[in-house]
PDB file of N, CA and C in Angstrom:
ATOM      1  N   MET A   1      14.629  32.388  51.512  1.00  0.00           N
ATOM      2  CA  MET A   1      15.153  32.426  49.768  1.00  0.00           C
ATOM      3  C   MET A   1      15.174  31.892  48.574  1.00  0.00           C
ATOM      4  N   VAL A   2      15.168  32.324  47.746  1.00  0.00           N
ATOM      5  CA  VAL A   2      15.617  30.952  45.815  1.00  0.00           C
ATOM      6  C   VAL A   2      16.617  31.890  45.475  1.00  0.00           C
ATOM      7  N   TRP A   3      17.716  31.340  45.286  1.00  0.00           N
ATOM      8  CA  TRP A   3      18.592  31.725  44.068  1.00  0.00           C
ATOM      9  C   TRP A   3      18.612  30.329  43.249  1.00  0.00           C
ATOM     10  N   VAL A   4      18.223  31.237  41.963  1.00  0.00           N
ATOM     11  CA  VAL A   4      18.090  30.611  40.487  1.00  0.00           C
ATOM     12  C   VAL A   4      19.928  30.426  39.834  1.00  0.00           C
ATOM     13  N   GLY A   5      20.864  29.937  39.496  1.00  0.00           N
ATOM     14  CA  GLY A   5      21.687  29.795  38.922  1.00  0.00           C
ATOM     15  C   GLY A   5      22.170  29.202  37.128  1.00  0.00           C
ATOM     16  N   VAL A   6      22.413  29.245  36.385  1.00  0.00           N
ATOM     17  CA  VAL A   6      22.468  28.576  35.270  1.00  0.00           C
ATOM     18  C   VAL A   6      23.748  29.182  34.739  1.00  0.00           C
ATOM     19  N   SER A   7      24.848  27.651  33.985  1.00  0.00           N
ATOM     20  CA  SER A   7      25.746  27.406  33.952  1.00  0.00           C
ATOM     21  C   SER A   7      26.867  27.997  34.818  1.00  0.00           C
ATOM     22  N   ALA A   8      27.704  28.698  34.573  1.00  0.00           N
ATOM     23  CA  ALA A   8      28.447  30.134  35.269  1.00  0.00           C
ATOM     24  C   ALA A   8      28.497  30.462  36.673  1.00  0.00           C
ATOM     25  N   GLY A   9      26.605  30.928  37.228  1.00  0.00           N
ATOM     26  CA  GLY A   9      25.861  31.691  37.465  1.00  0.00           C
ATOM     27  C   GLY A   9      25.827  30.352  39.062  1.00  0.00           C
ATOM     28  N   SER A  10      25.482  29.302  38.630  1.00  0.00           N
ATOM     29  CA  SER A  10      25.347  28.515  39.414  1.00  0.00           C
ATOM     30  C   SER A  10      26.975  28.172  40.134  1.00  0.00           C
ATOM     31  N   MET A  11      28.247  28.077  38.919  1.00  0.00           N
ATOM     32  CA  MET A  11      29.091  27.443  39.309  1.00  0.00           C
ATOM     33  C   MET A  11      29.616  28.371  40.278  1.00  0.00           C
ATOM     34  N   VAL A  12      29.201  29.410  40.517  1.00  0.00           N
ATOM     35  CA  VAL A  12      29.632  30.500  41.214  1.00  0.00           C
ATOM     36  C   VAL A  12      29.452  30.271  42.972  1.00  0.00           C
ATOM     37  N   MET A  13      28.377  29.594  43.227  1.00  0.00           N
ATOM     38  CA  MET A  13      27.717  28.934  44.033  1.00  0.00           C
ATOM     39  C   MET A  13      29.064  28.225  44.515  1.00  0.00           C
ATOM     40  N   THR A  14      28.938  27.586  44.074  1.00  0.00           N
ATOM     41  CA  THR A  14      30.057  26.144  45.104  1.00  0.00           C
ATOM     42  C   THR A  14      31.302  26.415  45.771  1.00  0.00           C
ATOM     43  N   PRO A  15      32.061  25.560  46.443  1.00  0.00           N
ATOM     44  CA  PRO A  15      33.611  26.438  47.107  1.00  0.00           C
ATOM     45  C   PRO A  15      34.313  26.065  45.790  1.00  0.00           C
ATOM     46  N   ARG A  16      34.560  25.428  44.812  1.00  0.00           N
ATOM     47  CA  ARG A  16      35.563  25.572  43.654  1.00  0.00           C
ATOM     48  C   ARG A  16      35.060  25.268  42.248  1.00  0.00           C
ATOM     49  N   ILE A  17      35.791  26.186  41.059  1.00  0.00           N
ATOM     50  CA  ILE A  17      34.852  26.014  40.160  1.00  0.00           C
ATOM     51  C   ILE A  17      35.920  25.101  39.315  1.00  0.00           C
ATOM     52  N   GLY A  18      37.389  24.480  39.510  1.00  0.00           N
ATOM     53  CA  GLY A  18      38.122  23.566  39.369  1.00  0.00           C
ATOM     54  C   GLY A  18      38.918  24.696  38.453  1.00  0.00           C
ATOM     55  N   ALA A  19      40.427  23.978  38.399  1.00  0.00           N
ATOM     56  CA  ALA A  19      41.061  24.841  37.436  1.00  0.00           C
ATOM     57  C   ALA A  19      40.736  24.699  36.266  1.00  0.00           C
ATOM     58  N   ASP A  20      40.011  24.249  35.662  1.00  0.00           N
ATOM     59  CA  ASP A  20      39.608  24.505  33.976  1.00  0.00           C
ATOM     60  C   ASP A  20      38.524  24.973  33.629  1.00  0.00           C
ATOM     61  N   PHE A  21      38.587  25.655  34.936  1.00  0.00           N
ATOM     62  CA  PHE A  21      37.191  26.593  34.071  1.00  0.00           C
ATOM     63  C   PHE A  21      38.022  27.810  34.123  1.00  0.00           C
ATOM     64  N   VAL A  22      38.886  28.218  34.630  1.00  0.00           N
ATOM     65  CA  VAL A  22      39.575  29.233  35.407  1.00  0.00           C
ATOM     66  C   VAL A  22      40.767  29.992  33.570  1.00  0.00           C
ATOM     67  N   GLN A  23      40.281  30.418  33.278  1.00  0.00           N
ATOM     68  CA  GLN A  23      40.869  31.142  31.657  1.00  0.00           C
ATOM     69  C   GLN A  23      41.093  32.602  31.861  1.00  0.00           C
ATOM     70  N   TRP A  24      41.195  33.368  33.126  1.00  0.00           N
ATOM     71  CA  TRP A  24      41.531  34.397  32.744  1.00  0.00           C
ATOM     72  C   TRP A  24      42.901  34.862  33.481  1.00  0.00           C
ATOM     73  N   PRO A  25      43.594  35.782  33.159  1.00  0.00           N
ATOM     74  CA  PRO A  25      45.172  35.685  33.393  1.00  0.00           C
ATOM     75  C   PRO A  25      44.979  36.604  34.966  1.00  0.00           C
ATOM     76  N   GLY A  26      45.730  36.628  35.774  1.00  0.00           N
ATOM     77  CA  GLY A  26      45.663  36.402  36.723  1.00  0.00           C
ATOM     78  C   GLY A  26      45.000  36.154  37.623  1.00  0.00           C
ATOM     79  N   ALA A  27      43.990  35.594  37.620  1.00  0.00           N
ATOM     80  CA  ALA A  27      43.431  35.310  38.480  1.00  0.00           C
ATOM     81  C   ALA A  27      43.838  34.536  40.296  1.00  0.00           C
ATOM     82  N   PRO A  28      43.428  34.479  40.879  1.00  0.00           N
ATOM     83  CA  PRO A  28      43.897  33.348  42.192  1.00  0.00           C
ATOM     84  C   PRO A  28      43.924  32.852  42.742  1.00  0.00           C
ATOM     85  N   GLY A  29      42.980  31.576  42.189  1.00  0.00           N
ATOM     86  CA  GLY A  29      42.703  30.808  41.935  1.00  0.00           C
ATOM     87  C   GLY A  29      40.829  29.919  41.661  1.00  0.00           C
ATOM     88  N   ASP A  30      40.994  29.488  42.098  1.00  0.00           N
ATOM     89  CA  ASP A  30      39.669  28.694  41.188  1.00  0.00           C
ATOM     90  C   ASP A  30      38.499  28.506  42.837  1.00  0.00           C
ATOM     91  N   GLY A  31      38.701  29.282  44.061  1.00  0.00           N
ATOM     92  CA  GLY A  31      37.568  29.872  44.697  1.00  0.00           C
ATOM     93  C   GLY A  31      36.945  30.642  44.632  1.00  0.00           C
ATOM     94  N   THR A  32      35.493  30.017  44.774  1.00  0.00           N
ATOM     95  CA  THR A  32      34.493  30.923  44.831  1.00  0.00           C
ATOM     96  C   THR A  32      33.268  31.522  45.905  1.00  0.00           C
ATOM     97  N   LEU A  33      32.158  31.601  45.459  1.00  0.00           N
ATOM     98  CA  LEU A  33      31.304  32.027  47.111  1.00  0.00           C
ATOM     99  C   LEU A  33      31.416  31.130  48.114  1.00  0.00           C
ATOM    100  N   GLY A  34      31.364  29.379  47.974  1.00  0.00           N
ATOM    101  CA  GLY A  34      30.927  28.289  48.971  1.00  0.00           C
ATOM    102  C   GLY A  34      29.567  28.427  49.392  1.00  0.00           C
ATOM    103  N   VAL A  35      28.403  28.998  48.551  1.00  0.00           N
ATOM    104  CA  VAL A  35      27.203  28.952  49.075  1.00  0.00           C
ATOM    105  C   VAL A  35      26.862  27.376  49.349  1.00  0.00           C
ATOM    106  N   VAL A  36      26.983  26.569  48.745  1.00  0.00           N
ATOM    107  CA  VAL A  36      26.747  25.116  48.786  1.00  0.00           C
ATOM    108  C   VAL A  36      28.379  24.343  49.044  1.00  0.00           C
ATOM    109  N   ASP A  37      28.433  23.037  49.056  1.00  0.00           N
ATOM    110  CA  ASP A  37      29.599  22.684  49.271  1.00  0.00           C
ATOM    111  C   ASP A  37      29.819  21.294  48.513  1.00  0.00           C
ATOM    112  N   PHE A  38      29.860  21.778  47.607  1.00  0.00           N
ATOM    113  CA  PHE A  38      29.607  21.007  46.323  1.00  0.00           C
ATOM    114  C   PHE A  38      30.312  21.540  44.733  1.00  0.00           C
ATOM    115  N   SER A  39      30.558  21.153  43.973  1.00  0.00           N
ATOM    116  CA  SER A  39      30.935  21.314  42.919  1.00  0.00           C
ATOM    117  C   SER A  39      29.886  21.404  41.631  1.00  0.00           C
ATOM    118  N   ILE A  40      30.124  22.395  40.385  1.00  0.00           N
ATOM    119  CA  ILE A  40      29.245  21.768  39.406  1.00  0.00           C
ATOM    120  C   ILE A  40      29.974  21.813  37.776  1.00  0.00           C
ATOM    121  N   PHE A  41      29.877  20.867  37.192  1.00  0.00           N
ATOM    122  CA  PHE A  41      30.042  20.831  35.960  1.00  0.00           C
ATOM    123  C   PHE A  41      29.017  20.580  35.048  1.00  0.00           C
ATOM    124  N   PRO A  42      29.279  21.822  34.138  1.00  0.00           N
ATOM    125  CA  PRO A  42      27.585  22.195  34.217  1.00  0.00           C
ATOM    126  C   PRO A  42      27.642  21.649  31.800  1.00  0.00           C
ATOM    127  N   HIS A  43      26.367  21.716  31.962  1.00  0.00           N
ATOM    128  CA  HIS A  43      26.803  21.205  30.009  1.00  0.00           C
ATOM    129  C   HIS A  43      26.893  20.004  29.871  1.00  0.00           C
ATOM    130  N   LEU A  44      26.913  19.227  30.431  1.00  0.00           N
ATOM    131  CA  LEU A  44      27.357  17.565  30.291  1.00  0.00           C
ATOM    132  C   LEU A  44      27.133  17.201  28.831  1.00  0.00           C
ATOM    133  N   ASP A  45      27.625  16.554  27.916  1.00  0.00           N
ATOM    134  CA  ASP A  45      27.552  16.097  27.171  1.00  0.00           C
ATOM    135  C   ASP A  45      26.889  17.427  25.287  1.00  0.00           C
ATOM    136  N   ALA A  46      26.852  18.843  26.088  1.00  0.00           N
ATOM    137  CA  ALA A  46      26.531  19.824  25.102  1.00  0.00           C
ATOM    138  C   ALA A  46      27.309  19.722  24.559  1.00  0.00           C
ATOM    139  N   PHE A  47      29.153  19.812  24.568  1.00  0.00           N
ATOM    140  CA  PHE A  47      29.980  20.147  23.882  1.00  0.00           C
ATOM    141  C   PHE A  47      31.529  19.194  23.802  1.00  0.00           C
ATOM    142  N   PRO A  48      32.160  19.025  22.713  1.00  0.00           N
ATOM    143  CA  PRO A  48      33.127  18.288  22.859  1.00  0.00           C
ATOM    144  C   PRO A  48      33.355  18.388  23.968  1.00  0.00           C
ATOM    145  N   ASP A  49      34.339  19.148  24.508  1.00  0.00           N
ATOM    146  CA  ASP A  49      35.204  18.823  26.427  1.00  0.00           C
ATOM    147  C   ASP A  49      34.021  19.018  26.960  1.00  0.00           C
ATOM    148  N   ASN A  50      32.868  18.810  27.401  1.00  0.00           N
ATOM    149  CA  ASN A  50      31.930  18.386  28.307  1.00  0.00           C
ATOM    150  C   ASN A  50      31.639  17.038  28.459  1.00  0.00           C
ATOM    151  N   THR A  51      32.094  16.052  28.395  1.00  0.00           N
ATOM    152  CA  THR A  51      31.953  14.441  28.058  1.00  0.00           C
ATOM    153  C   THR A  51      31.771  13.846  29.834  1.00  0.00           C
ATOM    154  N   LEU A  52      31.214  13.102  30.001  1.00  0.00           N
ATOM    155  CA  LEU A  52      31.775  12.731  31.327  1.00  0.00           C
ATOM    156  C   LEU A  52      33.779  12.189  31.439  1.00  0.00           C
ATOM    157  N   ALA A  53      33.879  11.444  31.138  1.00  0.00           N
ATOM    158  CA  ALA A  53      35.930  11.399  30.818  1.00  0.00           C
ATOM    159  C   ALA A  53      36.448  12.863  31.732  1.00  0.00           C
ATOM    160  N   ASP A  54      35.701  13.642  31.454  1.00  0.00           N
ATOM    161  CA  ASP A  54      36.446  15.488  30.856  1.00  0.00           C
ATOM    162  C   ASP A  54      35.836  15.882  32.548  1.00  0.00           C
ATOM    163  N   ALA A  55      34.312  15.506  32.818  1.00  0.00           N
ATOM    164  CA  ALA A  55      34.425  15.922  34.341  1.00  0.00           C
ATOM    165  C   ALA A  55      34.711  15.261  35.266  1.00  0.00           C
ATOM    166  N   GLN A  56      34.738  14.335  34.827  1.00  0.00           N
ATOM    167  CA  GLN A  56      35.644  13.007  35.824  1.00  0.00           C
ATOM    168  C   GLN A  56      37.425  13.433  36.328  1.00  0.00           C
ATOM    169  N   ARG A  57      37.635  13.807  35.228  1.00  0.00           N
ATOM    170  CA  ARG A  57      39.982  13.877  35.285  1.00  0.00           C
ATOM    171  C   ARG A  57      39.262  15.742  36.026  1.00  0.00           C
ATOM    172  N   TRP A  58      38.444  16.761  35.837  1.00  0.00           N
ATOM    173  CA  TRP A  58      38.003  17.733  36.125  1.00  0.00           C
ATOM    174  C   TRP A  58      37.909  17.720  38.075  1.00  0.00           C
ATOM    175  N   ALA A  59      37.290  16.711  38.636  1.00  0.00           N
ATOM    176  CA  ALA A  59      36.385  16.579  39.698  1.00  0.00           C
ATOM    177  C   ALA A  59      37.293  15.714  40.028  1.00  0.00           C
ATOM    178  N   ALA A  60      38.640  14.910  40.047  1.00  0.00           N
ATOM    179  CA  ALA A  60      39.326  14.238  40.732  1.00  0.00           C
ATOM    180  C   ALA A  60      40.142  15.153  41.261  1.00  0.00           C
ATOM    181  N   ASP A  61      40.653  16.742  41.571  1.00  0.00           N
ATOM    182  CA  ASP A  61      41.878  17.110  42.498  1.00  0.00           C
ATOM    183  C   ASP A  61      40.873  18.073  42.814  1.00  0.00           C
ATOM    184  N   LEU A  62      39.377  18.069  43.357  1.00  0.00           N
ATOM    185  CA  LEU A  62      38.429  19.328  43.743  1.00  0.00           C
ATOM    186  C   LEU A  62      38.567  19.268  45.071  1.00  0.00           C
ATOM    187  N   GLY A  63      37.996  18.140  45.439  1.00  0.00           N
ATOM    188  CA  GLY A  63      38.198  18.047  47.037  1.00  0.00           C
ATOM    189  C   GLY A  63      36.877  18.252  47.818  1.00  0.00           C
ATOM    190  N   VAL A  64      35.955  17.973  46.724  1.00  0.00           N
ATOM    191  CA  VAL A  64      34.930  18.142  47.438  1.00  0.00           C
ATOM    192  C   VAL A  64      34.072  17.316  46.110  1.00  0.00           C
ATOM    193  N   PRO A  65      32.138  16.752  46.653  1.00  0.00           N
ATOM    194  CA  PRO A  65      31.991  16.190  46.171  1.00  0.00           C
ATOM    195  C   PRO A  65      31.512  16.975  45.164  1.00  0.00           C
ATOM    196  N   ALA A  66      31.397  16.378  43.489  1.00  0.00           N
ATOM    197  CA  ALA A  66      31.029  17.126  42.536  1.00  0.00           C
ATOM    198  C   ALA A  66      29.838  16.463  41.537  1.00  0.00           C
ATOM    199  N   TYR A  67      29.045  17.138  40.905  1.00  0.00           N
ATOM    200  CA  TYR A  67      27.823  16.587  39.988  1.00  0.00           C
ATOM    201  C   TYR A  67      28.154  17.540  38.722  1.00  0.00           C
ATOM    202  N   ALA A  68      28.218  16.228  37.095  1.00  0.00           N
ATOM    203  CA  ALA A  68      28.191  16.573  36.158  1.00  0.00           C
ATOM    204  C   ALA A  68      26.765  16.418  35.929  1.00  0.00           C
ATOM    205  N   ILE A  69      25.949  17.779  35.178  1.00  0.00           N
ATOM    206  CA  ILE A  69      24.044  17.479  35.355  1.00  0.00           C
ATOM    207  C   ILE A  69      24.371  18.211  33.764  1.00  0.00           C
ATOM    208  N   ASP A  70      23.960  17.864  32.943  1.00  0.00           N
ATOM    209  CA  ASP A  70      23.066  17.742  31.656  1.00  0.00           C
ATOM    210  C   ASP A  70      21.948  19.128  31.390  1.00  0.00           C
ATOM    211  N   GLU A  71      21.712  19.337  30.256  1.00  0.00           N
ATOM    212  CA  GLU A  71      20.725  20.865  29.997  1.00  0.00           C
ATOM    213  C   GLU A  71      19.317  20.406  30.453  1.00  0.00           C
ATOM    214  N   GLN A  72      18.909  19.498  31.048  1.00  0.00           N
ATOM    215  CA  GLN A  72      17.957  18.964  30.951  1.00  0.00           C
ATOM    216  C   GLN A  72      18.195  18.387  32.937  1.00  0.00           C
ATOM    217  N   THR A  73      18.789  18.987  33.902  1.00  0.00           N
ATOM    218  CA  THR A  73      18.881  18.925  35.048  1.00  0.00           C
ATOM    219  C   THR A  73      19.276  20.146  35.588  1.00  0.00           C
ATOM    220  N   ALA A  74      18.681  19.599  37.029  1.00  0.00           N
ATOM    221  CA  ALA A  74      18.642  21.225  38.511  1.00  0.00           C
ATOM    222  C   ALA A  74      19.091  20.454  39.599  1.00  0.00           C
ATOM    223  N   ILE A  75      19.613  21.052  40.479  1.00  0.00           N
ATOM    224  CA  ILE A  75      20.012  20.546  42.111  1.00  0.00           C
ATOM    225  C   ILE A  75      19.475  21.846  42.936  1.00  0.00           C
ATOM    226  N   THR A  76      18.048  21.269  43.470  1.00  0.00           N
ATOM    227  CA  THR A  76      17.900  22.032  44.979  1.00  0.00           C
ATOM    228  C   THR A  76      18.783  21.919  46.167  1.00  0.00           C
ATOM    229  N   VAL A  77      18.740  22.365  46.618  1.00  0.00           N
ATOM    230  CA  VAL A  77      19.221  22.493  47.952  1.00  0.00           C
ATOM    231  C   VAL A  77      18.367  23.500  48.659  1.00  0.00           C
ATOM    232  N   VAL A  78      17.714  22.533  49.394  1.00  0.00           N
ATOM    233  CA  VAL A  78      16.411  22.777  51.500  1.00  0.00           C
ATOM    234  C   VAL A  78      17.115  22.955  52.569  1.00  0.00           C
ATOM    235  N   ASP A  79      17.635  23.255  53.164  1.00  0.00           N
ATOM    236  CA  ASP A  79      18.059  23.342  54.396  1.00  0.00           C
ATOM    237  C   ASP A  79      19.284  22.175  54.898  1.00  0.00           C
ATOM    238  N   GLY A  80      20.305  22.112  53.285  1.00  0.00           N
ATOM    239  CA  GLY A  80      21.416  21.374  53.075  1.00  0.00           C
ATOM    240  C   GLY A  80      21.082  20.377  52.890  1.00  0.00           C
ATOM    241  N   SER A  81      19.905  20.105  52.283  1.00  0.00           N
ATOM    242  CA  SER A  81      19.274  18.590  52.072  1.00  0.00           C
ATOM    243  C   SER A  81      19.402  19.052  50.457  1.00  0.00           C
ATOM    244  N   VAL A  82      20.503  17.978  49.852  1.00  0.00           N
ATOM    245  CA  VAL A  82      20.605  18.336  48.391  1.00  0.00           C
ATOM    246  C   VAL A  82      19.457  17.830  47.306  1.00  0.00           C
ATOM    247  N   GLU A  83      19.014  17.381  46.357  1.00  0.00           N
ATOM    248  CA  GLU A  83      18.257  16.780  45.309  1.00  0.00           C
ATOM    249  C   GLU A  83      18.614  16.907  43.977  1.00  0.00           C
ATOM    250  N   VAL A  84      18.156  15.910  42.941  1.00  0.00           N
ATOM    251  CA  VAL A  84      18.577  15.921  41.423  1.00  0.00           C
ATOM    252  C   VAL A  84      17.498  16.075  41.656  1.00  0.00           C
ATOM    253  N   VAL A  85      17.174  17.112  39.841  1.00  0.00           N
ATOM    254  CA  VAL A  85      16.023  16.933  39.814  1.00  0.00           C
ATOM    255  C   VAL A  85      16.375  16.909  38.195  1.00  0.00           C
ATOM    256  N   SER A  86      15.823  15.763  37.554  1.00  0.00           N
ATOM    257  CA  SER A  86      16.370  15.136  36.126  1.00  0.00           C
ATOM    258  C   SER A  86      15.771  14.748  34.978  1.00  0.00           C
ATOM    259  N   GLU A  87      15.609  15.080  34.078  1.00  0.00           N
ATOM    260  CA  GLU A  87      14.704  14.013  32.467  1.00  0.00           C
ATOM    261  C   GLU A  87      16.163  13.819  32.066  1.00  0.00           C
ATOM    262  N   GLY A  88      17.183  14.354  32.389  1.00  0.00           N
ATOM    263  CA  GLY A  88      18.568  13.620  31.780  1.00  0.00           C
ATOM    264  C   GLY A  88      19.646  13.265  31.689  1.00  0.00           C
ATOM    265  N   ARG A  89      20.545  13.668  31.930  1.00  0.00           N
ATOM    266  CA  ARG A  89      21.921  12.594  32.403  1.00  0.00           C
ATOM    267  C   ARG A  89      22.227  13.287  33.396  1.00  0.00           C
ATOM    268  N   TRP A  90      23.149  12.533  34.839  1.00  0.00           N
ATOM    269  CA  TRP A  90      23.304  13.420  35.514  1.00  0.00           C
ATOM    270  C   TRP A  90      24.702  12.254  36.454  1.00  0.00           C
ATOM    271  N   THR A  91      25.462  12.892  36.887  1.00  0.00           N
ATOM    272  CA  THR A  91      26.288  12.072  37.612  1.00  0.00           C
ATOM    273  C   THR A  91      27.222  12.749  39.120  1.00  0.00           C
ATOM    274  N   LYS A  92      26.830  11.838  40.246  1.00  0.00           N
ATOM    275  CA  LYS A  92      27.487  12.276  41.331  1.00  0.00           C
ATOM    276  C   LYS A  92      29.600  11.826  41.148  1.00  0.00           C
ATOM    277  N   LEU A  93      29.892  12.868  41.571  1.00  0.00           N
ATOM    278  CA  LEU A  93      31.043  12.747  41.422  1.00  0.00           C
ATOM    279  C   LEU A  93      31.886  12.891  43.081  1.00  0.00           C
ATOM    280  N   GLY A  94      32.727  11.814  43.121  1.00  0.00           N
ATOM    281  CA  GLY A  94      33.942  12.155  44.054  1.00  0.00           C
ATOM    282  C   GLY A  94      32.863  12.279  46.009  1.00  0.00           C
TER     283      GLY A  94
END
């Protein structure tokens, strides 16, 4: 099966999105579907508040590995094996 997610569609496949991305009243927490075992910080450097320093602060309390990825980066997971495909900028955090 192939699943493709972009932006929040990618984040929802992870175990947690992090408190920084929970901005709706009454949310019970930052837990998501947990299809993969890492979290994603999308749009690295695309917005003023999406710098690598912001991503590092975001990842500090997640308790799972995380990737900060820009618009030219994708992550594939095949049979549990994670591969970053990129012509841009990305960093593994945690």
